[in-house]
N, C-alpha and C. Protein backbone atom coordinates (compact mmCIF):
# COMPACT_ATOMS: atom_id res chain seq x y z
N MET A 1 -76.17 -29.57 6.13
CA MET A 1 -75.57 -29.06 4.92
C MET A 1 -75.10 -27.62 5.12
N ARG A 2 -75.95 -26.82 5.78
CA ARG A 2 -75.59 -25.43 6.00
C ARG A 2 -74.39 -25.31 6.95
N VAL A 3 -74.36 -26.15 7.99
CA VAL A 3 -73.25 -26.13 8.93
C VAL A 3 -71.95 -26.47 8.20
N ARG A 4 -72.03 -27.44 7.29
CA ARG A 4 -70.83 -27.82 6.54
C ARG A 4 -70.33 -26.67 5.68
N ARG A 5 -71.24 -25.90 5.05
CA ARG A 5 -70.84 -24.75 4.23
C ARG A 5 -70.15 -23.69 5.09
N VAL A 6 -70.69 -23.45 6.29
CA VAL A 6 -70.08 -22.47 7.19
C VAL A 6 -68.69 -22.92 7.58
N VAL A 7 -68.54 -24.22 7.92
CA VAL A 7 -67.23 -24.76 8.29
C VAL A 7 -66.28 -24.65 7.11
N MET A 8 -66.74 -24.97 5.90
CA MET A 8 -65.87 -24.86 4.72
C MET A 8 -65.49 -23.41 4.47
N SER A 9 -66.43 -22.47 4.66
CA SER A 9 -66.12 -21.05 4.47
C SER A 9 -65.08 -20.58 5.48
N CYS A 10 -65.23 -21.02 6.73
CA CYS A 10 -64.25 -20.66 7.76
C CYS A 10 -62.88 -21.25 7.42
N ALA A 11 -62.87 -22.48 6.94
CA ALA A 11 -61.61 -23.11 6.57
C ALA A 11 -60.96 -22.36 5.41
N LEU A 12 -61.77 -21.94 4.45
CA LEU A 12 -61.24 -21.18 3.32
C LEU A 12 -60.66 -19.84 3.78
N LEU A 13 -61.38 -19.16 4.66
CA LEU A 13 -60.88 -17.88 5.19
C LEU A 13 -59.59 -18.09 5.98
N ALA A 14 -59.53 -19.14 6.78
CA ALA A 14 -58.32 -19.42 7.56
C ALA A 14 -57.14 -19.72 6.63
N THR A 15 -57.41 -20.45 5.56
CA THR A 15 -56.35 -20.76 4.59
C THR A 15 -55.85 -19.49 3.92
N LEU A 16 -56.78 -18.63 3.49
CA LEU A 16 -56.38 -17.37 2.87
C LEU A 16 -55.57 -16.50 3.83
N ALA A 17 -55.99 -16.45 5.09
CA ALA A 17 -55.25 -15.67 6.09
C ALA A 17 -53.86 -16.24 6.29
N ALA A 18 -53.75 -17.57 6.33
CA ALA A 18 -52.44 -18.20 6.50
C ALA A 18 -51.53 -17.90 5.32
N VAL A 19 -52.07 -17.96 4.10
CA VAL A 19 -51.28 -17.65 2.91
C VAL A 19 -50.80 -16.20 2.97
N LEU A 20 -51.67 -15.29 3.40
CA LEU A 20 -51.31 -13.89 3.52
C LEU A 20 -50.20 -13.69 4.55
N VAL A 21 -50.33 -14.32 5.71
CA VAL A 21 -49.32 -14.20 6.76
C VAL A 21 -47.99 -14.77 6.28
N VAL A 22 -48.01 -15.93 5.65
CA VAL A 22 -46.78 -16.54 5.15
C VAL A 22 -46.14 -15.64 4.09
N GLY A 23 -46.96 -15.10 3.20
CA GLY A 23 -46.44 -14.20 2.16
C GLY A 23 -45.79 -12.97 2.75
N VAL A 24 -46.42 -12.39 3.76
CA VAL A 24 -45.86 -11.20 4.39
C VAL A 24 -44.59 -11.54 5.15
N THR A 25 -44.60 -12.64 5.90
CA THR A 25 -43.40 -12.98 6.67
C THR A 25 -42.25 -13.39 5.76
N MET A 26 -42.55 -14.04 4.66
CA MET A 26 -41.49 -14.38 3.71
C MET A 26 -40.92 -13.11 3.10
N GLY A 27 -41.80 -12.14 2.82
CA GLY A 27 -41.34 -10.87 2.28
C GLY A 27 -40.48 -10.12 3.29
N CYS A 28 -40.79 -10.26 4.58
CA CYS A 28 -40.01 -9.58 5.61
C CYS A 28 -38.63 -10.19 5.77
N SER A 29 -38.49 -11.46 5.43
CA SER A 29 -37.19 -12.10 5.61
C SER A 29 -36.37 -12.09 4.33
N SER A 30 -36.80 -11.34 3.34
CA SER A 30 -36.10 -11.25 2.08
C SER A 30 -34.70 -10.67 2.28
N THR A 31 -33.74 -11.15 1.50
CA THR A 31 -32.39 -10.62 1.57
C THR A 31 -32.18 -9.49 0.57
N THR A 32 -33.19 -9.19 -0.23
CA THR A 32 -33.08 -8.08 -1.17
C THR A 32 -33.08 -6.77 -0.39
N PRO A 33 -32.03 -5.94 -0.58
CA PRO A 33 -32.00 -4.68 0.17
C PRO A 33 -33.13 -3.75 -0.26
N ARG A 34 -33.70 -3.07 0.72
CA ARG A 34 -34.77 -2.12 0.45
C ARG A 34 -34.34 -0.76 0.97
N ASP A 35 -34.63 0.27 0.22
CA ASP A 35 -34.30 1.62 0.63
C ASP A 35 -35.53 2.23 1.28
N LEU A 36 -35.60 2.14 2.62
CA LEU A 36 -36.73 2.69 3.35
C LEU A 36 -36.61 4.19 3.56
N VAL A 37 -35.48 4.76 3.16
CA VAL A 37 -35.26 6.19 3.30
C VAL A 37 -35.87 6.93 2.11
N GLY A 38 -36.01 6.24 0.99
CA GLY A 38 -36.57 6.87 -0.20
C GLY A 38 -35.62 7.92 -0.74
N GLN A 39 -36.18 9.03 -1.16
CA GLN A 39 -35.37 10.11 -1.71
C GLN A 39 -34.83 11.01 -0.60
N GLY A 40 -35.00 10.58 0.62
CA GLY A 40 -34.55 11.38 1.76
C GLY A 40 -33.08 11.69 1.76
N ARG A 41 -32.27 10.75 1.30
CA ARG A 41 -30.82 11.00 1.24
C ARG A 41 -30.51 12.17 0.32
N GLU A 42 -31.15 12.16 -0.85
CA GLU A 42 -30.93 13.26 -1.80
C GLU A 42 -31.44 14.58 -1.22
N ALA A 43 -32.57 14.54 -0.54
CA ALA A 43 -33.13 15.75 0.06
C ALA A 43 -32.22 16.27 1.17
N LEU A 44 -31.65 15.35 1.96
CA LEU A 44 -30.71 15.77 3.00
C LEU A 44 -29.48 16.43 2.38
N ALA A 45 -28.96 15.81 1.32
CA ALA A 45 -27.78 16.38 0.65
C ALA A 45 -28.11 17.75 0.05
N ALA A 46 -29.28 17.86 -0.56
CA ALA A 46 -29.67 19.11 -1.21
C ALA A 46 -29.90 20.24 -0.21
N THR A 47 -30.25 19.91 1.02
CA THR A 47 -30.53 20.94 2.03
C THR A 47 -29.40 21.07 3.05
N GLN A 48 -28.29 20.39 2.81
CA GLN A 48 -27.17 20.42 3.76
C GLN A 48 -26.64 21.84 3.96
N ALA A 49 -26.52 22.59 2.88
CA ALA A 49 -26.01 23.96 3.00
C ALA A 49 -26.91 24.80 3.91
N ALA A 50 -28.22 24.60 3.80
CA ALA A 50 -29.15 25.35 4.66
C ALA A 50 -28.97 24.94 6.12
N ALA A 51 -28.68 23.66 6.35
CA ALA A 51 -28.49 23.18 7.72
C ALA A 51 -27.21 23.74 8.34
N GLU A 52 -26.26 24.12 7.49
CA GLU A 52 -24.99 24.64 7.99
C GLU A 52 -25.04 26.14 8.28
N VAL A 53 -26.08 26.81 7.80
CA VAL A 53 -26.25 28.24 8.08
C VAL A 53 -26.82 28.37 9.48
N ASP A 54 -26.17 29.15 10.29
CA ASP A 54 -26.64 29.34 11.65
C ASP A 54 -27.68 30.46 11.68
N LEU A 55 -28.93 30.07 11.50
CA LEU A 55 -30.02 31.05 11.49
C LEU A 55 -30.16 31.65 12.89
N PRO A 56 -30.53 32.92 12.94
CA PRO A 56 -30.78 33.54 14.26
C PRO A 56 -31.85 32.75 15.02
N ALA A 57 -31.66 32.67 16.32
CA ALA A 57 -32.58 31.90 17.17
C ALA A 57 -34.02 32.37 17.01
N GLU A 58 -34.23 33.69 16.84
CA GLU A 58 -35.61 34.19 16.73
C GLU A 58 -36.27 33.73 15.43
N VAL A 59 -35.48 33.55 14.35
CA VAL A 59 -36.03 33.05 13.09
C VAL A 59 -36.45 31.59 13.25
N VAL A 60 -35.57 30.81 13.86
CA VAL A 60 -35.86 29.38 14.07
C VAL A 60 -37.06 29.23 15.01
N ASP A 61 -37.08 30.00 16.09
CA ASP A 61 -38.19 29.92 17.05
C ASP A 61 -39.53 30.26 16.37
N ALA A 62 -39.53 31.32 15.57
CA ALA A 62 -40.76 31.72 14.87
C ALA A 62 -41.19 30.64 13.87
N SER A 63 -40.21 30.03 13.20
CA SER A 63 -40.52 28.97 12.23
C SER A 63 -41.09 27.74 12.91
N VAL A 64 -40.50 27.36 14.03
CA VAL A 64 -41.01 26.20 14.78
C VAL A 64 -42.41 26.51 15.29
N ASP A 65 -42.64 27.73 15.75
CA ASP A 65 -43.99 28.12 16.21
C ASP A 65 -45.00 27.99 15.08
N ARG A 66 -44.64 28.45 13.87
CA ARG A 66 -45.56 28.34 12.72
C ARG A 66 -45.80 26.87 12.37
N PHE A 67 -44.76 26.04 12.49
CA PHE A 67 -44.90 24.60 12.24
C PHE A 67 -45.91 24.00 13.22
N LEU A 68 -45.79 24.36 14.49
CA LEU A 68 -46.69 23.81 15.51
C LEU A 68 -48.11 24.35 15.36
N GLN A 69 -48.24 25.62 14.96
CA GLN A 69 -49.56 26.22 14.76
C GLN A 69 -50.31 25.53 13.63
N LEU A 70 -49.57 25.03 12.65
CA LEU A 70 -50.21 24.31 11.55
C LEU A 70 -51.04 23.15 12.07
N PHE A 71 -50.52 22.47 13.10
CA PHE A 71 -51.22 21.31 13.65
C PHE A 71 -52.22 21.70 14.74
N ASP A 72 -52.08 22.90 15.28
CA ASP A 72 -53.07 23.40 16.25
C ASP A 72 -54.40 23.67 15.57
N SER A 73 -54.34 24.14 14.33
CA SER A 73 -55.57 24.44 13.59
C SER A 73 -55.63 23.56 12.35
N PHE A 74 -55.61 22.27 12.57
CA PHE A 74 -55.55 21.29 11.48
C PHE A 74 -56.95 21.08 10.89
N GLN A 75 -57.44 22.10 10.19
CA GLN A 75 -58.76 22.06 9.58
C GLN A 75 -58.61 22.27 8.08
N PRO A 76 -59.36 21.53 7.26
CA PRO A 76 -59.21 21.64 5.79
C PRO A 76 -59.32 23.05 5.25
N GLY A 77 -60.19 23.88 5.80
CA GLY A 77 -60.40 25.22 5.26
C GLY A 77 -59.20 26.15 5.38
N SER A 78 -58.54 26.13 6.52
CA SER A 78 -57.44 27.07 6.77
C SER A 78 -56.06 26.46 6.54
N LEU A 79 -56.01 25.17 6.34
CA LEU A 79 -54.73 24.46 6.30
C LEU A 79 -53.90 24.77 5.06
N ARG A 80 -54.55 24.87 3.92
CA ARG A 80 -53.82 25.05 2.66
C ARG A 80 -52.94 26.30 2.68
N GLU A 81 -53.53 27.45 3.02
CA GLU A 81 -52.77 28.69 3.03
C GLU A 81 -51.64 28.66 4.06
N ALA A 82 -51.93 28.08 5.22
CA ALA A 82 -50.91 27.99 6.26
C ALA A 82 -49.74 27.12 5.80
N ALA A 83 -50.04 26.00 5.15
CA ALA A 83 -48.99 25.09 4.66
C ALA A 83 -48.18 25.74 3.54
N LEU A 84 -48.86 26.45 2.66
CA LEU A 84 -48.14 27.13 1.57
C LEU A 84 -47.19 28.19 2.12
N GLY A 85 -47.58 28.84 3.20
CA GLY A 85 -46.71 29.84 3.82
C GLY A 85 -45.58 29.23 4.63
N LEU A 86 -45.80 28.03 5.16
CA LEU A 86 -44.81 27.38 6.01
C LEU A 86 -43.71 26.69 5.21
N TYR A 87 -44.10 25.97 4.16
CA TYR A 87 -43.13 25.17 3.40
C TYR A 87 -42.55 25.96 2.23
N ALA A 88 -41.25 25.78 2.00
CA ALA A 88 -40.58 26.41 0.86
C ALA A 88 -41.12 25.81 -0.43
N GLU A 89 -40.96 26.53 -1.51
CA GLU A 89 -41.52 26.10 -2.79
C GLU A 89 -41.04 24.70 -3.20
N ARG A 90 -39.78 24.38 -2.92
CA ARG A 90 -39.24 23.07 -3.32
C ARG A 90 -38.99 22.18 -2.10
N ALA A 91 -39.82 22.30 -1.09
CA ALA A 91 -39.64 21.54 0.15
C ALA A 91 -39.78 20.04 -0.09
N TYR A 92 -39.09 19.27 0.76
CA TYR A 92 -39.19 17.81 0.77
C TYR A 92 -39.97 17.42 2.02
N PHE A 93 -40.87 16.42 1.87
CA PHE A 93 -41.73 15.99 2.97
C PHE A 93 -41.85 14.47 2.93
N ASN A 94 -41.68 13.83 4.10
CA ASN A 94 -41.86 12.39 4.21
C ASN A 94 -42.41 12.10 5.59
N ASP A 95 -43.63 11.55 5.66
CA ASP A 95 -44.22 11.23 6.96
C ASP A 95 -44.25 9.72 7.23
N GLY A 96 -43.52 8.97 6.44
CA GLY A 96 -43.51 7.52 6.61
C GLY A 96 -44.53 6.81 5.75
N PHE A 97 -45.55 7.54 5.31
CA PHE A 97 -46.54 6.99 4.39
C PHE A 97 -46.34 7.50 2.98
N VAL A 98 -46.05 8.79 2.87
CA VAL A 98 -45.86 9.40 1.55
C VAL A 98 -44.55 10.19 1.54
N GLU A 99 -44.03 10.36 0.34
CA GLU A 99 -42.84 11.16 0.12
C GLU A 99 -43.20 12.18 -0.96
N LEU A 100 -43.10 13.47 -0.62
CA LEU A 100 -43.58 14.52 -1.50
C LEU A 100 -42.53 15.61 -1.69
N GLU A 101 -42.66 16.33 -2.79
CA GLU A 101 -41.82 17.49 -3.03
C GLU A 101 -42.69 18.65 -3.47
N GLY A 102 -42.40 19.85 -2.96
CA GLY A 102 -43.10 21.05 -3.36
C GLY A 102 -44.20 21.43 -2.39
N ASN A 103 -44.28 22.73 -2.08
CA ASN A 103 -45.26 23.17 -1.07
C ASN A 103 -46.71 22.98 -1.54
N GLU A 104 -46.95 23.07 -2.86
CA GLU A 104 -48.33 22.86 -3.35
C GLU A 104 -48.78 21.42 -3.09
N THR A 105 -47.89 20.46 -3.38
CA THR A 105 -48.20 19.04 -3.19
C THR A 105 -48.36 18.72 -1.71
N ILE A 106 -47.49 19.28 -0.90
CA ILE A 106 -47.55 19.05 0.55
C ILE A 106 -48.84 19.63 1.12
N ALA A 107 -49.19 20.86 0.70
CA ALA A 107 -50.42 21.50 1.20
C ALA A 107 -51.65 20.68 0.82
N ALA A 108 -51.69 20.17 -0.41
CA ALA A 108 -52.83 19.35 -0.85
C ALA A 108 -52.93 18.07 -0.03
N TYR A 109 -51.78 17.43 0.23
CA TYR A 109 -51.77 16.20 1.02
C TYR A 109 -52.25 16.46 2.45
N LEU A 110 -51.75 17.52 3.07
CA LEU A 110 -52.17 17.84 4.44
C LEU A 110 -53.65 18.16 4.50
N GLU A 111 -54.15 18.82 3.47
CA GLU A 111 -55.58 19.13 3.42
C GLU A 111 -56.42 17.86 3.33
N ARG A 112 -55.97 16.90 2.50
CA ARG A 112 -56.69 15.61 2.40
C ARG A 112 -56.63 14.87 3.73
N THR A 113 -55.47 14.93 4.39
CA THR A 113 -55.31 14.27 5.68
C THR A 113 -56.26 14.88 6.71
N ALA A 114 -56.35 16.20 6.72
CA ALA A 114 -57.26 16.87 7.66
C ALA A 114 -58.71 16.48 7.40
N SER A 115 -59.06 16.29 6.14
CA SER A 115 -60.43 15.89 5.79
C SER A 115 -60.75 14.48 6.26
N ALA A 116 -59.73 13.66 6.47
CA ALA A 116 -59.94 12.27 6.89
C ALA A 116 -59.93 12.12 8.41
N THR A 117 -59.75 13.23 9.14
CA THR A 117 -59.74 13.15 10.60
C THR A 117 -60.85 14.00 11.20
N ARG A 118 -61.45 13.49 12.26
CA ARG A 118 -62.43 14.28 13.01
C ARG A 118 -61.71 15.29 13.86
N SER A 119 -60.60 14.83 14.44
CA SER A 119 -59.81 15.72 15.29
C SER A 119 -58.36 15.25 15.24
N LEU A 120 -57.47 16.19 15.46
CA LEU A 120 -56.05 15.88 15.50
C LEU A 120 -55.40 16.82 16.50
N GLU A 121 -54.65 16.24 17.41
CA GLU A 121 -53.96 17.04 18.42
C GLU A 121 -52.52 16.58 18.49
N VAL A 122 -51.60 17.53 18.49
CA VAL A 122 -50.19 17.21 18.61
C VAL A 122 -49.68 17.86 19.89
N GLU A 123 -49.23 17.02 20.82
CA GLU A 123 -48.65 17.52 22.07
C GLU A 123 -47.13 17.48 21.91
N VAL A 124 -46.50 18.63 21.96
CA VAL A 124 -45.05 18.72 21.81
C VAL A 124 -44.40 18.45 23.16
N GLU A 125 -43.51 17.47 23.18
CA GLU A 125 -42.82 17.12 24.42
C GLU A 125 -41.44 17.76 24.51
N ASP A 126 -40.83 18.04 23.36
CA ASP A 126 -39.48 18.62 23.39
C ASP A 126 -39.14 19.16 22.00
N VAL A 127 -38.36 20.23 21.98
CA VAL A 127 -37.80 20.77 20.74
C VAL A 127 -36.30 20.90 20.97
N ALA A 128 -35.53 20.27 20.09
CA ALA A 128 -34.08 20.31 20.22
C ALA A 128 -33.49 20.89 18.93
N ARG A 129 -32.43 21.66 19.10
CA ARG A 129 -31.78 22.28 17.95
C ARG A 129 -30.30 21.96 18.00
N HIS A 130 -29.78 21.56 16.85
CA HIS A 130 -28.34 21.32 16.72
C HIS A 130 -27.90 21.96 15.41
N GLY A 131 -27.26 23.11 15.51
CA GLY A 131 -26.91 23.85 14.30
C GLY A 131 -28.18 24.23 13.56
N GLY A 132 -28.26 23.87 12.29
CA GLY A 132 -29.44 24.16 11.49
C GLY A 132 -30.47 23.05 11.51
N GLU A 133 -30.27 22.07 12.35
CA GLU A 133 -31.21 20.95 12.46
C GLU A 133 -32.14 21.19 13.64
N VAL A 134 -33.44 20.97 13.42
CA VAL A 134 -34.42 21.08 14.50
C VAL A 134 -35.16 19.76 14.59
N TYR A 135 -35.32 19.26 15.82
CA TYR A 135 -36.03 18.00 16.07
C TYR A 135 -37.17 18.29 17.04
N VAL A 136 -38.38 17.95 16.63
CA VAL A 136 -39.56 18.17 17.47
C VAL A 136 -40.09 16.80 17.87
N ARG A 137 -40.08 16.52 19.19
CA ARG A 137 -40.62 15.25 19.69
C ARG A 137 -42.04 15.49 20.14
N TRP A 138 -42.97 14.64 19.66
CA TRP A 138 -44.38 14.88 19.88
C TRP A 138 -45.15 13.58 20.11
N VAL A 139 -46.38 13.77 20.59
CA VAL A 139 -47.36 12.68 20.66
C VAL A 139 -48.59 13.18 19.91
N MET A 140 -48.97 12.44 18.88
CA MET A 140 -50.12 12.82 18.06
C MET A 140 -51.31 11.94 18.42
N THR A 141 -52.46 12.57 18.62
CA THR A 141 -53.71 11.86 18.87
C THR A 141 -54.69 12.30 17.80
N PHE A 142 -55.20 11.33 17.05
CA PHE A 142 -56.18 11.70 16.03
C PHE A 142 -57.31 10.69 15.99
N THR A 143 -58.46 11.18 15.56
CA THR A 143 -59.66 10.35 15.43
C THR A 143 -60.08 10.37 13.97
N THR A 144 -60.29 9.20 13.41
CA THR A 144 -60.64 9.09 12.00
C THR A 144 -62.11 9.44 11.78
N VAL A 145 -62.40 9.93 10.60
CA VAL A 145 -63.78 10.28 10.24
C VAL A 145 -64.58 9.01 10.00
N ARG A 146 -64.00 8.07 9.25
CA ARG A 146 -64.75 6.90 8.80
C ARG A 146 -65.18 5.98 9.93
N LYS A 147 -64.24 5.57 10.76
CA LYS A 147 -64.58 4.61 11.82
C LYS A 147 -64.71 5.25 13.19
N GLY A 148 -64.23 6.48 13.32
CA GLY A 148 -64.23 7.12 14.63
C GLY A 148 -63.19 6.53 15.56
N THR A 149 -62.17 5.88 14.99
CA THR A 149 -61.11 5.26 15.78
C THR A 149 -60.13 6.34 16.23
N THR A 150 -59.75 6.31 17.50
CA THR A 150 -58.75 7.24 18.02
C THR A 150 -57.42 6.52 18.12
N ILE A 151 -56.39 7.16 17.59
CA ILE A 151 -55.05 6.57 17.56
C ILE A 151 -54.09 7.55 18.23
N VAL A 152 -53.23 7.03 19.09
CA VAL A 152 -52.21 7.83 19.76
C VAL A 152 -50.86 7.30 19.32
N ALA A 153 -50.02 8.21 18.79
CA ALA A 153 -48.73 7.78 18.26
C ALA A 153 -47.64 8.80 18.61
N PRO A 154 -46.53 8.33 19.20
CA PRO A 154 -45.41 9.23 19.45
C PRO A 154 -44.52 9.32 18.21
N GLY A 155 -43.81 10.42 18.08
CA GLY A 155 -42.91 10.55 16.94
C GLY A 155 -41.99 11.75 17.06
N ILE A 156 -41.15 11.90 16.04
CA ILE A 156 -40.20 13.01 15.96
C ILE A 156 -40.23 13.56 14.55
N SER A 157 -40.23 14.89 14.42
CA SER A 157 -40.09 15.55 13.13
C SER A 157 -38.70 16.16 13.05
N HIS A 158 -38.01 15.87 11.97
CA HIS A 158 -36.69 16.46 11.69
C HIS A 158 -36.93 17.56 10.67
N LEU A 159 -36.53 18.79 11.00
CA LEU A 159 -36.81 19.95 10.16
C LEU A 159 -35.53 20.69 9.79
N ARG A 160 -35.52 21.24 8.58
CA ARG A 160 -34.50 22.19 8.15
C ARG A 160 -35.23 23.37 7.50
N PHE A 161 -34.71 24.57 7.73
CA PHE A 161 -35.35 25.78 7.24
C PHE A 161 -34.46 26.53 6.26
N ASP A 162 -35.10 27.30 5.36
CA ASP A 162 -34.34 28.18 4.48
C ASP A 162 -34.06 29.50 5.23
N PRO A 163 -33.30 30.42 4.65
CA PRO A 163 -32.98 31.67 5.36
C PRO A 163 -34.20 32.50 5.73
N ASP A 164 -35.33 32.29 5.03
CA ASP A 164 -36.57 33.02 5.36
C ASP A 164 -37.39 32.30 6.42
N GLY A 165 -36.89 31.18 6.92
CA GLY A 165 -37.60 30.45 7.97
C GLY A 165 -38.68 29.53 7.45
N ARG A 166 -38.67 29.22 6.16
CA ARG A 166 -39.65 28.28 5.60
C ARG A 166 -39.04 26.87 5.62
N VAL A 167 -39.87 25.87 5.81
CA VAL A 167 -39.41 24.48 5.90
C VAL A 167 -38.91 24.01 4.53
N LEU A 168 -37.65 23.57 4.50
CA LEU A 168 -37.05 23.00 3.30
C LEU A 168 -37.12 21.47 3.33
N TYR A 169 -37.00 20.93 4.55
CA TYR A 169 -36.92 19.47 4.74
C TYR A 169 -37.75 19.12 5.96
N HIS A 170 -38.65 18.15 5.80
CA HIS A 170 -39.51 17.69 6.90
C HIS A 170 -39.63 16.17 6.79
N ARG A 171 -39.06 15.48 7.76
CA ARG A 171 -39.12 14.02 7.80
C ARG A 171 -39.64 13.60 9.16
N ASP A 172 -40.75 12.86 9.18
CA ASP A 172 -41.31 12.34 10.43
C ASP A 172 -40.82 10.92 10.66
N TYR A 173 -40.49 10.64 11.90
CA TYR A 173 -40.12 9.29 12.33
C TYR A 173 -41.12 8.87 13.39
N TRP A 174 -41.94 7.90 13.05
CA TRP A 174 -42.94 7.40 13.99
C TRP A 174 -43.37 6.02 13.55
N ASP A 175 -43.98 5.29 14.45
CA ASP A 175 -44.46 3.95 14.13
C ASP A 175 -45.87 4.05 13.58
N GLY A 176 -45.97 4.02 12.24
CA GLY A 176 -47.27 4.10 11.60
C GLY A 176 -48.00 2.78 11.53
N SER A 177 -47.36 1.68 11.99
CA SER A 177 -48.01 0.37 11.88
C SER A 177 -49.26 0.29 12.73
N GLY A 178 -49.26 0.97 13.88
CA GLY A 178 -50.46 0.96 14.74
C GLY A 178 -51.62 1.64 14.05
N ALA A 179 -51.34 2.76 13.39
CA ALA A 179 -52.39 3.47 12.66
C ALA A 179 -52.87 2.62 11.49
N LEU A 180 -51.93 2.01 10.79
CA LEU A 180 -52.29 1.17 9.65
C LEU A 180 -53.14 -0.01 10.09
N ALA A 181 -52.79 -0.61 11.23
CA ALA A 181 -53.54 -1.76 11.74
C ALA A 181 -54.98 -1.39 12.07
N GLU A 182 -55.17 -0.16 12.55
CA GLU A 182 -56.52 0.28 12.91
C GLU A 182 -57.35 0.66 11.69
N LEU A 183 -56.69 1.17 10.66
CA LEU A 183 -57.42 1.74 9.53
C LEU A 183 -57.69 0.78 8.39
N VAL A 184 -56.84 -0.23 8.23
CA VAL A 184 -56.97 -1.14 7.09
C VAL A 184 -57.40 -2.52 7.59
N PRO A 185 -58.51 -3.06 7.08
CA PRO A 185 -58.99 -4.37 7.54
C PRO A 185 -57.94 -5.46 7.33
N LEU A 186 -57.85 -6.40 8.25
CA LEU A 186 -56.96 -7.56 8.23
C LEU A 186 -55.49 -7.24 8.47
N VAL A 187 -55.10 -5.96 8.48
CA VAL A 187 -53.69 -5.64 8.68
C VAL A 187 -53.29 -5.91 10.13
N GLY A 188 -54.18 -5.59 11.08
CA GLY A 188 -53.87 -5.81 12.50
C GLY A 188 -53.46 -7.25 12.80
N PRO A 189 -54.29 -8.25 12.45
CA PRO A 189 -53.91 -9.63 12.72
C PRO A 189 -52.62 -10.05 11.99
N VAL A 190 -52.43 -9.55 10.77
CA VAL A 190 -51.22 -9.90 10.03
C VAL A 190 -49.99 -9.33 10.72
N LEU A 191 -50.05 -8.06 11.14
CA LEU A 191 -48.92 -7.46 11.83
C LEU A 191 -48.60 -8.17 13.14
N ARG A 192 -49.66 -8.55 13.87
CA ARG A 192 -49.41 -9.29 15.12
C ARG A 192 -48.75 -10.63 14.82
N ALA A 193 -49.16 -11.30 13.75
CA ALA A 193 -48.54 -12.59 13.38
C ALA A 193 -47.08 -12.40 12.99
N VAL A 194 -46.79 -11.34 12.24
CA VAL A 194 -45.40 -11.06 11.82
C VAL A 194 -44.56 -10.76 13.05
N ARG A 195 -45.08 -9.92 13.96
CA ARG A 195 -44.31 -9.58 15.17
C ARG A 195 -44.06 -10.82 16.01
N ALA A 196 -45.05 -11.72 16.10
CA ALA A 196 -44.88 -12.94 16.88
C ALA A 196 -43.79 -13.82 16.27
N ARG A 197 -43.71 -13.83 14.96
CA ARG A 197 -42.71 -14.65 14.27
C ARG A 197 -41.31 -14.08 14.45
N LEU A 198 -41.21 -12.75 14.52
CA LEU A 198 -39.90 -12.11 14.69
C LEU A 198 -39.42 -12.27 16.10
């Protein structure tokens, strides 16, 4: 009797997993257009004038250094003030998980993120500048507090600065699915099933 209950429980779990995978894959094949850019288009348009201003190289270099220092000392205690000084008052921020506006909101989010990590290291591989656009290519390694899982993810940050060298626009491009698969139960197997279907 007990063996039969275990088999029925396994069958029920397998059925639920199959329904979840089918639901996700059907959602992925939807023909309904989705705007994965979010409000980024509006933020790009709003900061276009700043991108067209040719800031002195020393201002851009100092701003990029402050941006990188933020992640060198990614600790909840010191992060808030550093972020408030780095981001412009009406800055736009999108890291692929959240889309935020305003340096207060961005600082609070970064502080919460720092509290959820045991350690975070960003290795910068390249910094490229084209006019007022700055692109930072990096590899981020972080370890979560809850599970102690270490995740390594490559990415690029697209930055625009105001005349004072504060970040007006910050958009990260990276594959967050690996991090999501590690952090959220059942997401890993579902993502692997979706990738196999594609």
